[in-house]
Amino acid sequence: MKPPQELIKEISDRKQLSNFFLSLSEDFKQNPDEWENITLDQYFDAVSAWLQDADGLEKNTDYEISSQPDWKFIAEIAYIGKIYE
C-alpha cells in the first residue's frame, strides 16, 4: 500500500478516500514516531488549528482551498492531523 501522502494526489471518490484512511491508520501503527499528534485529542486539535489557520496559508503560499470541498480535501484535512503542530 502506498503511503498516505502519496494517495492524497489520487483521491477522487469515496472508495479512494476509504483506502486513504486505511493507509493513514497503517502509517500510524507502523510509524508512530513520525506523528506529531498521537492521541485523538491532539489529532483533533491539530486539524481544528489548521482549519482556523488555512486563510493565512492561502495568503502566504500557493495552496488554494476550494469553496466546494471534495474527497481529496477531506483526505488532506485528515493527513494534516498527523503533522500539524
Protein backbone atom coordinates (compact mmCIF):
# COMPACT_ATOMS: atom_id res chain seq x y z
CA MET A 1 0.00 0.00 0.00
CA LYS A 2 1.24 3.46 -0.87
CA PRO A 3 1.98 5.98 1.90
CA PRO A 4 -0.98 8.24 2.69
CA GLN A 5 0.75 11.38 1.45
CA GLU A 6 1.06 9.79 -1.99
CA LEU A 7 -2.52 8.55 -2.05
CA ILE A 8 -3.90 12.07 -1.47
CA LYS A 9 -3.00 13.05 -5.03
CA GLU A 10 -5.13 10.23 -6.44
CA ILE A 11 -8.33 10.69 -4.43
CA SER A 12 -11.41 11.46 -6.47
CA ASP A 13 -14.09 9.23 -4.95
CA ARG A 14 -15.32 7.66 -1.73
CA LYS A 15 -13.55 4.33 -2.27
CA GLN A 16 -10.19 6.04 -2.74
CA LEU A 17 -10.83 8.08 0.41
CA SER A 18 -11.59 4.87 2.29
CA ASN A 19 -8.30 3.37 1.07
CA PHE A 20 -6.53 6.54 2.17
CA PHE A 21 -7.89 6.18 5.70
CA LEU A 22 -6.71 2.55 5.80
CA SER A 23 -3.26 3.71 4.71
CA LEU A 24 -3.27 6.50 7.30
CA SER A 25 -4.20 4.01 10.01
CA GLU A 26 -1.44 1.64 8.92
CA ASP A 27 1.02 4.55 8.86
CA PHE A 28 0.12 5.36 12.45
CA LYS A 29 0.66 1.75 13.53
CA GLN A 30 3.96 1.39 11.67
CA ASN A 31 5.43 4.88 12.19
CA PRO A 32 4.06 6.44 15.39
CA ASP A 33 7.32 8.36 15.86
CA GLU A 34 6.56 10.31 12.65
CA TRP A 35 3.25 11.58 14.04
CA GLU A 36 3.15 14.92 15.84
CA ASN A 37 -0.26 14.14 17.34
CA ILE A 38 -0.52 10.65 18.78
CA THR A 39 -3.64 10.99 20.89
CA LEU A 40 -7.09 11.56 19.49
CA ASP A 41 -7.50 14.89 21.28
CA GLN A 42 -4.13 16.14 19.94
CA TYR A 43 -5.08 14.98 16.47
CA PHE A 44 -8.44 16.79 16.50
CA ASP A 45 -6.85 19.92 18.00
CA ALA A 46 -4.31 19.95 15.16
CA VAL A 47 -6.99 19.54 12.49
CA SER A 48 -9.03 22.35 14.05
CA ALA A 49 -5.97 24.63 14.31
CA TRP A 50 -5.06 24.01 10.68
CA LEU A 51 -8.59 24.79 9.51
CA GLN A 52 -8.52 28.03 11.51
CA ASP A 53 -5.11 28.94 10.07
CA ALA A 54 -6.00 27.98 6.50
CA ASP A 55 -6.79 31.54 5.42
CA GLY A 56 -3.22 32.55 6.23
CA LEU A 57 -1.93 29.51 4.38
CA GLU A 58 -3.79 30.60 1.24
CA LYS A 59 -2.40 34.14 1.51
CA ASN A 60 1.21 33.05 2.10
CA THR A 61 1.53 30.05 -0.24
CA ASP A 62 0.16 28.76 -3.50
CA TYR A 63 -2.21 26.40 -1.64
CA GLU A 64 -5.84 27.08 -2.52
CA ILE A 65 -8.81 25.88 -0.51
CA SER A 66 -11.80 25.12 -2.66
CA SER A 67 -15.13 26.71 -1.84
CA GLN A 68 -16.59 23.30 -2.79
CA PRO A 69 -14.59 20.74 -0.76
CA ASP A 70 -14.19 17.31 -2.33
CA TRP A 71 -12.98 13.84 -1.32
CA LYS A 72 -9.35 14.91 -1.72
CA PHE A 73 -9.83 17.86 0.63
CA ILE A 74 -11.22 15.55 3.33
CA ALA A 75 -8.07 13.43 3.00
CA GLU A 76 -5.84 16.49 3.18
CA ILE A 77 -7.51 17.53 6.43
CA ALA A 78 -7.10 14.02 7.85
CA TYR A 79 -3.42 13.96 6.89
CA ILE A 80 -2.82 17.38 8.44
CA GLY A 81 -3.81 15.89 11.79
CA LYS A 82 -0.66 13.78 11.56
CA ILE A 83 1.82 16.59 11.02
CA TYR A 84 0.39 19.97 12.10
CA GLU A 85 1.61 21.46 15.36
